[in-house]
C-alpha atoms as a PDB file:
ATOM      1  CA  MET A   1       0.000   0.000   0.000  1.00  0.00           C
ATOM      2  CA  GLU A   2       1.301   3.415  -0.923  1.00  0.00           C
ATOM      3  CA  LYS A   3       1.139   5.820   1.997  1.00  0.00           C
ATOM      4  CA  VAL A   4      -0.965   8.971   1.856  1.00  0.00           C
ATOM      5  CA  ARG A   5      -0.299  12.409   3.246  1.00  0.00           C
ATOM      6  CA  LEU A   6      -2.676  13.815   5.842  1.00  0.00           C
ATOM      7  CA  GLY A   7      -3.674  17.344   4.920  1.00  0.00           C
ATOM      8  CA  HIS A   8      -0.741  19.700   4.456  1.00  0.00           C
ATOM      9  CA  SER A   9       1.274  17.906   7.146  1.00  0.00           C
ATOM     10  CA  ASP A  10       4.428  15.816   7.046  1.00  0.00           C
ATOM     11  CA  LEU A  11       2.421  12.861   8.352  1.00  0.00           C
ATOM     12  CA  PHE A  12       2.181   9.919   5.941  1.00  0.00           C
ATOM     13  CA  VAL A  13      -0.071   6.985   6.804  1.00  0.00           C
ATOM     14  CA  PRO A  14      -1.294   3.801   5.134  1.00  0.00           C
ATOM     15  CA  PRO A  15      -4.750   3.961   3.531  1.00  0.00           C
ATOM     16  CA  ILE A  16      -6.008   1.564   6.202  1.00  0.00           C
ATOM     17  CA  CYS A  17      -5.921   2.387   9.920  1.00  0.00           C
ATOM     18  CA  LEU A  18      -6.501  -0.017  12.812  1.00  0.00           C
ATOM     19  CA  GLY A  19      -9.283   1.199  15.094  1.00  0.00           C
ATOM     20  CA  THR A  20      -9.005  -0.021  18.674  1.00  0.00           C
ATOM     21  CA  MET A  21     -12.188   0.943  20.482  1.00  0.00           C
ATOM     22  CA  THR A  22     -13.125  -2.675  21.272  1.00  0.00           C
ATOM     23  CA  PHE A  23      -9.866  -3.326  23.123  1.00  0.00           C
ATOM     24  CA  GLY A  24     -10.643  -3.718  26.821  1.00  0.00           C
ATOM     25  CA  GLU A  25     -14.340  -4.510  26.313  1.00  0.00           C
ATOM     26  CA  GLN A  26     -15.060  -7.044  23.555  1.00  0.00           C
ATOM     27  CA  VAL A  27     -11.388  -7.804  23.002  1.00  0.00           C
ATOM     28  CA  SER A  28      -9.098  -9.048  25.772  1.00  0.00           C
ATOM     29  CA  GLU A  29      -5.633  -7.619  26.236  1.00  0.00           C
ATOM     30  CA  ALA A  30      -3.968 -10.765  24.904  1.00  0.00           C
ATOM     31  CA  ASP A  31      -6.169 -10.770  21.806  1.00  0.00           C
ATOM     32  CA  ALA A  32      -5.550  -7.046  21.309  1.00  0.00           C
ATOM     33  CA  TYR A  33      -1.792  -7.719  21.295  1.00  0.00           C
ATOM     34  CA  ASN A  34      -2.273 -10.402  18.636  1.00  0.00           C
ATOM     35  CA  ILE A  35      -4.390  -8.098  16.474  1.00  0.00           C
ATOM     36  CA  MET A  36      -1.896  -5.227  16.715  1.00  0.00           C
ATOM     37  CA  ASP A  37       1.050  -7.537  16.022  1.00  0.00           C
ATOM     38  CA  ARG A  38      -0.687  -8.889  12.937  1.00  0.00           C
ATOM     39  CA  ALA A  39      -1.593  -5.407  11.712  1.00  0.00           C
ATOM     40  CA  VAL A  40       2.033  -4.258  11.934  1.00  0.00           C
ATOM     41  CA  GLU A  41       3.182  -7.462  10.241  1.00  0.00           C
ATOM     42  CA  ARG A  42       0.891  -6.640   7.321  1.00  0.00           C
ATOM     43  CA  GLY A  43       2.031  -3.039   7.012  1.00  0.00           C
ATOM     44  CA  ILE A  44      -0.677  -1.267   9.025  1.00  0.00           C
ATOM     45  CA  ASP A  45       1.381   1.065  11.190  1.00  0.00           C
ATOM     46  CA  PHE A  46      -1.438   3.558  11.881  1.00  0.00           C
ATOM     47  CA  LEU A  47      -3.478   3.063  15.086  1.00  0.00           C
ATOM     48  CA  ASP A  48      -6.458   5.127  16.234  1.00  0.00           C
ATOM     49  CA  THR A  49      -7.716   5.290  19.816  1.00  0.00           C
ATOM     50  CA  SER A  50      -9.318   7.710  22.276  1.00  0.00           C
ATOM     51  CA  GLU A  51      -9.252   8.614  25.936  1.00  0.00           C
ATOM     52  CA  MET A  52     -12.896   7.500  26.310  1.00  0.00           C
ATOM     53  CA  TYR A  53     -12.386   3.975  24.900  1.00  0.00           C
ATOM     54  CA  ALA A  54     -13.321   1.114  25.361  1.00  0.00           C
ATOM     55  CA  VAL A  55     -16.755   1.249  23.715  1.00  0.00           C
ATOM     56  CA  PRO A  56     -19.541   1.025  24.758  1.00  0.00           C
ATOM     57  CA  THR A  57     -18.192   3.615  27.137  1.00  0.00           C
ATOM     58  CA  ARG A  58     -18.548   3.168  30.876  1.00  0.00           C
ATOM     59  CA  ALA A  59     -16.657   4.353  33.921  1.00  0.00           C
ATOM     60  CA  GLU A  60     -14.983   0.985  34.517  1.00  0.00           C
ATOM     61  CA  THR A  61     -13.295   0.870  31.099  1.00  0.00           C
ATOM     62  CA  PHE A  62     -12.563   4.579  30.601  1.00  0.00           C
ATOM     63  CA  GLY A  63      -8.960   4.799  29.333  1.00  0.00           C
ATOM     64  CA  ALA A  64      -8.570   1.029  29.137  1.00  0.00           C
ATOM     65  CA  THR A  65      -7.797   0.937  25.421  1.00  0.00           C
ATOM     66  CA  GLU A  66      -4.980   3.485  25.610  1.00  0.00           C
ATOM     67  CA  ALA A  67      -3.519   1.605  28.575  1.00  0.00           C
ATOM     68  CA  ILE A  68      -3.541  -1.677  26.615  1.00  0.00           C
ATOM     69  CA  ILE A  69      -1.775  -0.010  23.684  1.00  0.00           C
ATOM     70  CA  GLY A  70       0.753   1.516  26.078  1.00  0.00           C
ATOM     71  CA  ARG A  71       1.622  -1.830  27.630  1.00  0.00           C
ATOM     72  CA  TRP A  72       1.868  -3.406  24.164  1.00  0.00           C
ATOM     73  CA  LEU A  73       4.287  -0.671  23.065  1.00  0.00           C
ATOM     74  CA  ALA A  74       6.361  -1.064  26.216  1.00  0.00           C
ATOM     75  CA  ALA A  75       6.711  -4.784  25.526  1.00  0.00           C
ATOM     76  CA  ARG A  76       7.962  -4.203  21.974  1.00  0.00           C
ATOM     77  CA  ALA A  77      11.159  -2.220  22.161  1.00  0.00           C
ATOM     78  CA  GLY A  78      11.870   0.050  19.221  1.00  0.00           C
ATOM     79  CA  LEU A  79       8.402  -0.215  17.702  1.00  0.00           C
ATOM     80  CA  ARG A  80       6.961   3.122  18.812  1.00  0.00           C
ATOM     81  CA  HIS A  81       8.967   5.281  16.380  1.00  0.00           C
ATOM     82  CA  LYS A  82       7.723   3.138  13.468  1.00  0.00           C
ATOM     83  CA  LEU A  83       4.053   3.818  14.234  1.00  0.00           C
ATOM     84  CA  VAL A  84       1.603   6.660  13.778  1.00  0.00           C
ATOM     85  CA  ILE A  85      -0.623   6.806  16.839  1.00  0.00           C
ATOM     86  CA  ALA A  86      -3.786   8.880  16.854  1.00  0.00           C
ATOM     87  CA  SER A  87      -5.900   9.579  19.907  1.00  0.00           C
ATOM     88  CA  LYS A  88      -8.737  11.912  20.840  1.00  0.00           C
ATOM     89  CA  VAL A  89      -9.793  14.328  23.545  1.00  0.00           C
ATOM     90  CA  ALA A  90     -13.446  13.923  24.447  1.00  0.00           C
ATOM     91  CA  GLY A  91     -15.810  16.813  23.992  1.00  0.00           C
ATOM     92  CA  PRO A  92     -18.482  17.853  26.497  1.00  0.00           C
ATOM     93  CA  SER A  93     -19.627  15.002  28.690  1.00  0.00           C
ATOM     94  CA  ARG A  94     -22.950  14.117  26.998  1.00  0.00           C
ATOM     95  CA  GLY A  95     -23.888  12.523  30.316  1.00  0.00           C
ATOM     96  CA  MET A  96     -20.603  10.618  30.684  1.00  0.00           C
ATOM     97  CA  HIS A  97     -19.377  12.271  33.871  1.00  0.00           C
ATOM     98  CA  TRP A  98     -16.373   9.963  34.056  1.00  0.00           C
ATOM     99  CA  VAL A  99     -15.113  11.452  30.778  1.00  0.00           C
ATOM    100  CA  ARG A 100     -15.726  15.128  31.389  1.00  0.00           C
ATOM    101  CA  GLU A 101     -17.577  17.059  34.067  1.00  0.00           C
ATOM    102  CA  GLY A 102     -19.948  19.759  32.838  1.00  0.00           C
ATOM    103  CA  GLN A 103     -20.760  20.854  29.323  1.00  0.00           C
ATOM    104  CA  GLY A 104     -17.612  22.665  28.271  1.00  0.00           C
ATOM    105  CA  MET A 105     -14.177  21.619  27.070  1.00  0.00           C
ATOM    106  CA  THR A 106     -11.753  24.144  28.485  1.00  0.00           C
ATOM    107  CA  PRO A 107      -8.066  24.560  27.633  1.00  0.00           C
ATOM    108  CA  ASP A 108      -7.302  22.942  30.990  1.00  0.00           C
ATOM    109  CA  ASP A 109      -9.483  19.978  30.028  1.00  0.00           C
ATOM    110  CA  ILE A 110      -7.545  19.586  26.781  1.00  0.00           C
ATOM    111  CA  ARG A 111      -4.153  19.803  28.478  1.00  0.00           C
ATOM    112  CA  ARG A 112      -5.156  17.397  31.247  1.00  0.00           C
ATOM    113  CA  SER A 113      -6.581  14.878  28.801  1.00  0.00           C
ATOM    114  CA  CYS A 114      -3.454  15.014  26.662  1.00  0.00           C
ATOM    115  CA  GLU A 115      -1.164  14.422  29.641  1.00  0.00           C
ATOM    116  CA  ASN A 116      -3.258  11.478  30.808  1.00  0.00           C
ATOM    117  CA  SER A 117      -3.305   9.932  27.336  1.00  0.00           C
ATOM    118  CA  LEU A 118       0.473  10.265  27.056  1.00  0.00           C
ATOM    119  CA  LYS A 119       0.870   8.416  30.361  1.00  0.00           C
ATOM    120  CA  ARG A 120      -1.525   5.639  29.417  1.00  0.00           C
ATOM    121  CA  LEU A 121       0.068   5.228  25.995  1.00  0.00           C
ATOM    122  CA  GLN A 122       3.551   5.299  27.554  1.00  0.00           C
ATOM    123  CA  THR A 123       4.824   7.664  24.906  1.00  0.00           C
ATOM    124  CA  ASP A 124       6.275  11.164  24.766  1.00  0.00           C
ATOM    125  CA  VAL A 125       4.243  12.341  21.791  1.00  0.00           C
ATOM    126  CA  ILE A 126       0.905  11.639  20.106  1.00  0.00           C
ATOM    127  CA  ASP A 127       1.170  11.865  16.332  1.00  0.00           C
ATOM    128  CA  LEU A 128      -2.418  12.975  15.687  1.00  0.00           C
ATOM    129  CA  TYR A 129      -4.636  14.368  18.447  1.00  0.00           C
ATOM    130  CA  GLN A 130      -8.276  14.858  17.519  1.00  0.00           C
ATOM    131  CA  ILE A 131     -11.258  16.536  19.157  1.00  0.00           C
ATOM    132  CA  HIS A 132     -13.584  13.552  19.463  1.00  0.00           C
ATOM    133  CA  TRP A 133     -16.774  15.545  19.010  1.00  0.00           C
ATOM    134  CA  PRO A 134     -17.409  19.272  18.792  1.00  0.00           C
ATOM    135  CA  GLU A 135     -17.645  21.405  21.890  1.00  0.00           C
ATOM    136  CA  ARG A 136     -20.533  23.089  20.110  1.00  0.00           C
ATOM    137  CA  HIS A 137     -23.978  21.475  20.188  1.00  0.00           C
ATOM    138  CA  VAL A 138     -24.136  20.044  16.681  1.00  0.00           C
ATOM    139  CA  PRO A 139     -25.792  17.004  15.082  1.00  0.00           C
ATOM    140  CA  ALA A 140     -23.723  13.912  15.884  1.00  0.00           C
ATOM    141  CA  PHE A 141     -24.042  10.215  16.699  1.00  0.00           C
ATOM    142  CA  GLY A 142     -27.445   9.832  15.077  1.00  0.00           C
ATOM    143  CA  SER A 143     -29.047  13.254  15.408  1.00  0.00           C
ATOM    144  CA  ILE A 144     -29.343  15.070  12.075  1.00  0.00           C
ATOM    145  CA  TYR A 145     -30.670  18.566  12.794  1.00  0.00           C
ATOM    146  CA  TYR A 146     -28.893  21.570  14.233  1.00  0.00           C
ATOM    147  CA  ASP A 147     -30.972  23.321  16.907  1.00  0.00           C
ATOM    148  CA  PRO A 148     -29.609  26.763  17.866  1.00  0.00           C
ATOM    149  CA  SER A 149     -31.819  26.840  20.978  1.00  0.00           C
ATOM    150  CA  LYS A 150     -29.665  24.053  22.459  1.00  0.00           C
ATOM    151  CA  GLU A 151     -26.371  25.830  21.839  1.00  0.00           C
ATOM    152  CA  GLY A 152     -24.347  26.175  25.019  1.00  0.00           C
ATOM    153  CA  SER A 153     -20.783  26.571  23.837  1.00  0.00           C
ATOM    154  CA  ALA A 154     -18.462  27.636  26.658  1.00  0.00           C
ATOM    155  CA  THR A 155     -15.061  27.405  24.944  1.00  0.00           C
ATOM    156  CA  SER A 156     -14.362  29.160  21.666  1.00  0.00           C
ATOM    157  CA  ILE A 157     -12.654  27.454  18.752  1.00  0.00           C
ATOM    158  CA  HIS A 158      -9.849  29.987  19.189  1.00  0.00           C
ATOM    159  CA  ALA A 159      -9.316  28.911  22.809  1.00  0.00           C
ATOM    160  CA  GLN A 160      -9.350  25.223  21.844  1.00  0.00           C
ATOM    161  CA  LEU A 161      -6.784  25.846  19.105  1.00  0.00           C
ATOM    162  CA  ASP A 162      -4.625  27.872  21.484  1.00  0.00           C
ATOM    163  CA  ALA A 163      -4.451  24.962  23.908  1.00  0.00           C
ATOM    164  CA  LEU A 164      -3.764  22.407  21.189  1.00  0.00           C
ATOM    165  CA  SER A 165      -1.113  24.618  19.594  1.00  0.00           C
ATOM    166  CA  GLU A 166       0.672  24.965  22.943  1.00  0.00           C
ATOM    167  CA  LEU A 167       0.851  21.182  23.156  1.00  0.00           C
ATOM    168  CA  VAL A 168       2.235  21.004  19.615  1.00  0.00           C
ATOM    169  CA  LYS A 169       4.893  23.613  20.460  1.00  0.00           C
ATOM    170  CA  ALA A 170       5.765  21.669  23.604  1.00  0.00           C
ATOM    171  CA  GLY A 171       6.417  18.571  21.470  1.00  0.00           C
ATOM    172  CA  LYS A 172       3.617  16.557  23.045  1.00  0.00           C
ATOM    173  CA  LEU A 173       1.553  16.494  19.858  1.00  0.00           C
ATOM    174  CA  ARG A 174       2.716  16.392  16.255  1.00  0.00           C
ATOM    175  CA  HIS A 175      -0.534  17.283  14.516  1.00  0.00           C
ATOM    176  CA  ILE A 176      -4.167  17.934  15.356  1.00  0.00           C
ATOM    177  CA  GLY A 177      -7.467  16.909  13.832  1.00  0.00           C
ATOM    178  CA  LEU A 178     -11.224  16.850  14.281  1.00  0.00           C
ATOM    179  CA  SER A 179     -13.891  14.173  14.500  1.00  0.00           C
ATOM    180  CA  ASN A 180     -17.666  14.078  14.021  1.00  0.00           C
ATOM    181  CA  GLU A 181     -17.458  17.577  12.574  1.00  0.00           C
ATOM    182  CA  THR A 182     -19.639  19.633  10.252  1.00  0.00           C
ATOM    183  CA  PRO A 183     -18.586  21.672   7.206  1.00  0.00           C
ATOM    184  CA  TYR A 184     -18.832  24.827   9.325  1.00  0.00           C
ATOM    185  CA  GLY A 185     -16.613  23.352  12.026  1.00  0.00           C
ATOM    186  CA  VAL A 186     -13.909  22.215   9.628  1.00  0.00           C
ATOM    187  CA  HIS A 187     -13.877  25.572   7.871  1.00  0.00           C
ATOM    188  CA  GLU A 188     -13.849  27.600  11.087  1.00  0.00           C
ATOM    189  CA  PHE A 189     -10.981  25.619  12.636  1.00  0.00           C
ATOM    190  CA  VAL A 190      -8.918  26.249   9.503  1.00  0.00           C
ATOM    191  CA  ARG A 191      -9.893  29.934   9.305  1.00  0.00           C
ATOM    192  CA  VAL A 192      -9.087  30.672  12.946  1.00  0.00           C
ATOM    193  CA  ALA A 193      -5.751  28.845  12.713  1.00  0.00           C
ATOM    194  CA  GLN A 194      -4.751  30.855   9.661  1.00  0.00           C
ATOM    195  CA  GLN A 195      -5.898  34.134  11.186  1.00  0.00           C
ATOM    196  CA  HIS A 196      -3.975  33.648  14.439  1.00  0.00           C
ATOM    197  CA  GLY A 197      -0.990  31.600  13.318  1.00  0.00           C
ATOM    198  CA  LEU A 198      -2.074  28.475  15.218  1.00  0.00           C
ATOM    199  CA  SER A 199      -1.763  24.780  14.413  1.00  0.00           C
ATOM    200  CA  ARG A 200      -3.901  23.782  11.434  1.00  0.00           C
ATOM    201  CA  VAL A 201      -6.094  20.693  11.522  1.00  0.00           C
ATOM    202  CA  VAL A 202      -4.888  18.037   9.086  1.00  0.00           C
ATOM    203  CA  SER A 203      -7.806  15.615   9.202  1.00  0.00           C
ATOM    204  CA  VAL A 204     -11.403  15.004  10.185  1.00  0.00           C
ATOM    205  CA  GLN A 205     -12.599  11.592  11.354  1.00  0.00           C
ATOM    206  CA  ASN A 206     -16.245  11.144  10.400  1.00  0.00           C
ATOM    207  CA  ALA A 207     -18.516   8.166   9.875  1.00  0.00           C
ATOM    208  CA  TYR A 208     -18.478   7.180   6.212  1.00  0.00           C
ATOM    209  CA  HIS A 209     -20.049   4.046   4.772  1.00  0.00           C
ATOM    210  CA  LEU A 210     -22.795   2.917   2.433  1.00  0.00           C
ATOM    211  CA  LEU A 211     -25.486   3.615   5.043  1.00  0.00           C
ATOM    212  CA  ASN A 212     -24.172   7.078   5.867  1.00  0.00           C
ATOM    213  CA  ARG A 213     -22.709   9.174   3.070  1.00  0.00           C
ATOM    214  CA  SER A 214     -23.711  12.498   4.614  1.00  0.00           C
ATOM    215  CA  HIS A 215     -20.059  13.536   4.210  1.00  0.00           C
ATOM    216  CA  ASP A 216     -20.777  13.682   0.464  1.00  0.00           C
ATOM    217  CA  ASN A 217     -23.291  16.476   1.005  1.00  0.00           C
ATOM    218  CA  GLY A 218     -20.856  19.338   1.522  1.00  0.00           C
ATOM    219  CA  THR A 219     -18.163  18.243   3.944  1.00  0.00           C
ATOM    220  CA  ASP A 220     -16.354  16.584   1.043  1.00  0.00           C
ATOM    221  CA  GLU A 221     -16.025  19.876  -0.833  1.00  0.00           C
ATOM    222  CA  THR A 222     -14.960  21.688   2.333  1.00  0.00           C
ATOM    223  CA  CYS A 223     -12.235  19.122   3.029  1.00  0.00           C
ATOM    224  CA  HIS A 224     -11.068  19.049  -0.581  1.00  0.00           C
ATOM    225  CA  ARG A 225     -10.740  22.813  -0.930  1.00  0.00           C
ATOM    226  CA  LEU A 226      -9.111  23.281   2.493  1.00  0.00           C
ATOM    227  CA  GLY A 227      -6.764  20.302   2.269  1.00  0.00           C
ATOM    228  CA  VAL A 228      -8.214  18.414   5.242  1.00  0.00           C
ATOM    229  CA  SER A 229      -8.092  14.609   4.947  1.00  0.00           C
ATOM    230  CA  LEU A 230     -11.003  12.325   5.771  1.00  0.00           C
ATOM    231  CA  LEU A 231     -10.414   9.396   8.101  1.00  0.00           C
ATOM    232  CA  ALA A 232     -13.499   7.253   7.481  1.00  0.00           C
ATOM    233  CA  TYR A 233     -14.760   5.354  10.508  1.00  0.00           C
ATOM    234  CA  SER A 234     -17.295   2.505  10.720  1.00  0.00           C
ATOM    235  CA  PRO A 235     -16.925   1.467   7.049  1.00  0.00           C
ATOM    236  CA  LEU A 236     -18.901  -1.688   7.872  1.00  0.00           C
ATOM    237  CA  ALA A 237     -21.583   0.179   9.854  1.00  0.00           C
ATOM    238  CA  PHE A 238     -20.997  -1.727  13.092  1.00  0.00           C
ATOM    239  CA  GLY A 239     -21.260  -5.023  11.212  1.00  0.00           C
ATOM    240  CA  LEU A 240     -24.506  -4.318   9.345  1.00  0.00           C
ATOM    241  CA  LEU A 241     -22.601  -4.296   6.055  1.00  0.00           C
ATOM    242  CA  THR A 242     -20.942  -7.677   6.671  1.00  0.00           C
ATOM    243  CA  GLY A 243     -24.212  -9.543   6.133  1.00  0.00           C
ATOM    244  CA  LYS A 244     -24.120 -11.152   9.572  1.00  0.00           C
ATOM    245  CA  TYR A 245     -27.545  -9.741  10.490  1.00  0.00           C
ATOM    246  CA  ASP A 246     -29.255 -10.241   7.125  1.00  0.00           C
ATOM    247  CA  SER A 247     -31.229 -13.338   8.091  1.00  0.00           C
ATOM    248  CA  SER A 248     -31.446 -12.999  11.866  1.00  0.00           C
ATOM    249  CA  GLY A 249     -31.911  -9.281  12.390  1.00  0.00           C
ATOM    250  CA  ILE A 250     -30.303  -7.618  15.405  1.00  0.00           C
ATOM    251  CA  HIS A 251     -32.742  -8.912  18.035  1.00  0.00           C
ATOM    252  CA  GLY A 252     -33.732 -12.355  19.177  1.00  0.00           C
ATOM    253  CA  PRO A 253     -32.017 -15.676  19.813  1.00  0.00           C
ATOM    254  CA  ASP A 254     -30.765 -16.125  16.246  1.00  0.00           C
ATOM    255  CA  ALA A 255     -28.783 -12.871  16.186  1.00  0.00           C
ATOM    256  CA  PRO A 256     -24.995 -13.344  16.460  1.00  0.00           C
ATOM    257  CA  GLN A 257     -24.651 -12.754  20.191  1.00  0.00           C
ATOM    258  CA  GLY A 258     -20.943 -11.962  20.164  1.00  0.00           C
ATOM    259  CA  ALA A 259     -21.390  -9.076  17.739  1.00  0.00           C
ATOM    260  CA  ARG A 260     -21.600  -5.506  19.018  1.00  0.00           C
ATOM    261  CA  ILE A 261     -25.118  -4.564  17.950  1.00  0.00           C
ATOM    262  CA  ALA A 262     -26.623  -7.808  19.228  1.00  0.00           C
ATOM    263  CA  ARG A 263     -24.554  -7.794  22.419  1.00  0.00           C
ATOM    264  CA  TYR A 264     -24.986  -4.221  23.617  1.00  0.00           C
ATOM    265  CA  GLU A 265     -28.408  -2.649  24.082  1.00  0.00           C
ATOM    266  CA  SER A 266     -26.822   0.809  24.210  1.00  0.00           C
ATOM    267  CA  VAL A 267     -25.547   0.287  20.646  1.00  0.00           C
ATOM    268  CA  ARG A 268     -28.910  -0.989  19.392  1.00  0.00           C
ATOM    269  CA  LYS A 269     -30.518   2.228  20.584  1.00  0.00           C
ATOM    270  CA  GLN A 270     -28.187   4.253  18.381  1.00  0.00           C
ATOM    271  CA  ARG A 271     -28.292   4.833  14.611  1.00  0.00           C
ATOM    272  CA  TRP A 272     -27.049   1.289  13.953  1.00  0.00           C
ATOM    273  CA  GLY A 273     -30.163  -0.233  15.504  1.00  0.00           C
ATOM    274  CA  ARG A 274     -32.711   1.536  13.323  1.00  0.00           C
ATOM    275  CA  PRO A 275     -34.949  -0.788  11.257  1.00  0.00           C
ATOM    276  CA  GLU A 276     -34.226   1.433   8.256  1.00  0.00           C
ATOM    277  CA  ALA A 277     -30.479   0.861   8.681  1.00  0.00           C
ATOM    278  CA  LEU A 278     -30.870  -2.928   8.650  1.00  0.00           C
ATOM    279  CA  ALA A 279     -33.219  -2.756   5.663  1.00  0.00           C
ATOM    280  CA  GLY A 280     -30.709  -0.626   3.782  1.00  0.00           C
ATOM    281  CA  ALA A 281     -27.849  -2.960   4.689  1.00  0.00           C
ATOM    282  CA  ARG A 282     -29.773  -5.922   3.313  1.00  0.00           C
ATOM    283  CA  ARG A 283     -30.189  -4.098  -0.003  1.00  0.00           C
ATOM    284  CA  TYR A 284     -26.489  -3.323  -0.309  1.00  0.00           C
ATOM    285  CA  ASN A 285     -25.448  -6.782   0.870  1.00  0.00           C
ATOM    286  CA  ALA A 286     -27.683  -8.445  -1.730  1.00  0.00           C
ATOM    287  CA  LEU A 287     -26.196  -6.196  -4.395  1.00  0.00           C
ATOM    288  CA  ALA A 288     -22.687  -7.276  -3.408  1.00  0.00           C
ATOM    289  CA  ARG A 289     -23.567 -10.954  -3.700  1.00  0.00           C
ATOM    290  CA  GLU A 290     -25.236 -10.340  -7.047  1.00  0.00           C
ATOM    291  CA  HIS A 291     -21.886  -9.019  -8.312  1.00  0.00           C
ATOM    292  CA  GLY A 292     -19.829 -11.907  -6.932  1.00  0.00           C
ATOM    293  CA  LEU A 293     -18.524 -10.050  -3.887  1.00  0.00           C
ATOM    294  CA  THR A 294     -19.004 -10.545  -0.182  1.00  0.00           C
ATOM    295  CA  PRO A 295     -20.817  -7.691   1.559  1.00  0.00           C
ATOM    296  CA  THR A 296     -17.615  -6.913   3.453  1.00  0.00           C
ATOM    297  CA  GLN A 297     -15.581  -6.683   0.250  1.00  0.00           C
ATOM    298  CA  MET A 298     -18.007  -4.284  -1.402  1.00  0.00           C
ATOM    299  CA  ALA A 299     -18.476  -2.053   1.637  1.00  0.00           C
ATOM    300  CA  LEU A 300     -14.747  -1.739   2.243  1.00  0.00           C
ATOM    301  CA  ALA A 301     -13.891  -1.312  -1.432  1.00  0.00           C
ATOM    302  CA  PHE A 302     -16.360   1.572  -1.571  1.00  0.00           C
ATOM    303  CA  CYS A 303     -14.286   3.404   1.051  1.00  0.00           C
ATOM    304  CA  TYR A 304     -10.875   2.139  -0.057  1.00  0.00           C
ATOM    305  CA  ASN A 305     -11.394   3.488  -3.579  1.00  0.00           C
ATOM    306  CA  SER A 306     -13.118   6.774  -2.810  1.00  0.00           C
ATOM    307  CA  TRP A 307     -11.220   9.958  -3.667  1.00  0.00           C
ATOM    308  CA  ARG A 308     -12.773  11.451  -0.545  1.00  0.00           C
ATOM    309  CA  VAL A 309     -11.078   9.024   1.866  1.00  0.00           C
ATOM    310  CA  ALA A 310      -7.450   9.283   2.917  1.00  0.00           C
ATOM    311  CA  SER A 311      -7.492   6.326   5.314  1.00  0.00           C
ATOM    312  CA  THR A 312     -10.244   3.908   6.320  1.00  0.00           C
ATOM    313  CA  ILE A 313     -10.439   2.945   9.994  1.00  0.00           C
ATOM    314  CA  ILE A 314     -11.284  -0.723  10.459  1.00  0.00           C
ATOM    315  CA  GLY A 315     -12.395  -2.083  13.815  1.00  0.00           C
ATOM    316  CA  VAL A 316     -12.042  -5.801  14.416  1.00  0.00           C
ATOM    317  CA  THR A 317     -12.361  -8.267  17.262  1.00  0.00           C
ATOM    318  CA  SER A 318     -10.108 -11.031  15.929  1.00  0.00           C
ATOM    319  CA  VAL A 319      -7.084 -11.617  13.732  1.00  0.00           C
ATOM    320  CA  ALA A 320      -9.355 -13.419  11.251  1.00  0.00           C
ATOM    321  CA  GLN A 321     -11.531 -10.324  10.899  1.00  0.00           C
ATOM    322  CA  LEU A 322      -8.431  -8.183  10.460  1.00  0.00           C
ATOM    323  CA  ASP A 323      -7.150 -10.405   7.673  1.00  0.00           C
ATOM    324  CA  GLU A 324     -10.535 -10.340   5.941  1.00  0.00           C
ATOM    325  CA  CYS A 325     -10.571  -6.532   5.975  1.00  0.00           C
ATOM    326  CA  LEU A 326      -6.993  -6.285   4.732  1.00  0.00           C
ATOM    327  CA  ASP A 327      -7.551  -8.917   2.047  1.00  0.00           C
ATOM    328  CA  ALA A 328     -10.328  -6.730   0.629  1.00  0.00           C
ATOM    329  CA  TRP A 329      -7.694  -4.165  -0.356  1.00  0.00           C
ATOM    330  CA  GLY A 330      -7.366  -4.189  -4.139  1.00  0.00           C
ATOM    331  CA  THR A 331     -11.022  -5.036  -4.739  1.00  0.00           C
ATOM    332  CA  THR A 332     -12.443  -2.774  -7.435  1.00  0.00           C
ATOM    333  CA  LEU A 333     -16.050  -1.804  -8.102  1.00  0.00           C
ATOM    334  CA  SER A 334     -17.208  -1.487 -11.691  1.00  0.00           C
ATOM    335  CA  PRO A 335     -18.906   1.694 -12.941  1.00  0.00           C
ATOM    336  CA  GLU A 336     -22.105  -0.343 -13.256  1.00  0.00           C
ATOM    337  CA  LEU A 337     -21.917  -1.457  -9.625  1.00  0.00           C
ATOM    338  CA  LEU A 338     -21.160   2.063  -8.420  1.00  0.00           C
ATOM    339  CA  ALA A 339     -24.190   3.303 -10.341  1.00  0.00           C
ATOM    340  CA  ARG A 340     -26.353   0.649  -8.646  1.00  0.00           C
ATOM    341  CA  ILE A 341     -24.965   1.736  -5.261  1.00  0.00           C
ATOM    342  CA  ASP A 342     -25.837   5.343  -6.022  1.00  0.00           C
ATOM    343  CA  ALA A 343     -29.339   4.317  -7.088  1.00  0.00           C
ATOM    344  CA  ILE A 344     -29.962   2.665  -3.720  1.00  0.00           C
ATOM    345  CA  ARG A 345     -28.613   5.711  -1.926  1.00  0.00           C
ATOM    346  CA  TRP A 346     -30.903   7.992  -3.958  1.00  0.00           C
ATOM    347  CA  GLU A 347     -33.834   5.909  -2.746  1.00  0.00           C
ATOM    348  CA  LEU A 348     -32.841   5.300   0.883  1.00  0.00           C
ATOM    349  CA  ARG A 349     -30.493   8.259   1.559  1.00  0.00           C
ATOM    350  CA  ASP A 350     -28.539   7.784   4.797  1.00  0.00           C
ATOM    351  CA  PRO A 351     -30.503   5.568   7.210  1.00  0.00           C
ATOM    352  CA  ALA A 352     -27.603   5.239   9.677  1.00  0.00           C
ATOM    353  CA  GLN A 353     -26.640   8.916   9.721  1.00  0.00           C
END
């Protein structure tokens, strides 16, 4: 795989990134080590994590994923400098008091979170540090409408960038990015950085998959014109686009109980658990089979081959799943198949947005 440049930075990453949010919840520490070892063996030297992981988030596992990665790094001398490690600072608490008290995300919050992540990761620097979700009250994680009456921003974008830029100058961060952002947010972070000579965001990590292509409705142009790279997360829509739920659904005794949507009620209540999302997945999965592909191959190839995507974040719970996702690299989708995909999207839009 030829590496790609993130934004205008000097950071080059493979077009596939290993997501780690299941480590410490669904995935044991020993299994996480095996998955990370295999990823590095196959050329995936880009890892993404967050201070709030493991997921589903709860107080008992807050920070567990970073700690697992840190112990893995400590046990493999000389490996750290060969890797690109991305992590995230959580936004306002959204009810998760163990992540962040109150509704704001102050410069002190950012600095404290960074220091704690560095300790858990057992490293001196984080290569890419992202704001996990906006401090502003914007549509995210399943909501689709902006409501100005709910706006309660307490920390300006300028103040957030000031704090992040200080950490870059101190050598604790190499580059910064965003996640779950809107076109306005991406543009404003770039504008404020340019106006005040602060660190410029190099990437935005947003959901992007066949069941949610809302990025294509404006954020793609914003990122293209401003030179901000997309890191696409959930390319398999929490497993809906693997076909594993096609016959069983996500409820009941026949659903694959080890899988995230079937296992965790909190996940089923989110965008992934909507009946419309499963119905849409079944349409895409049937289309893949009709064209001689597995649902996983088609869903991943859609992201792998998109001009909009710099790197696709894959989340797995086993080495076998990792190999399946990596083996899908090189799969191409014909113009006819892409047209059929677009036709389904025109009809169903984005049921897992």
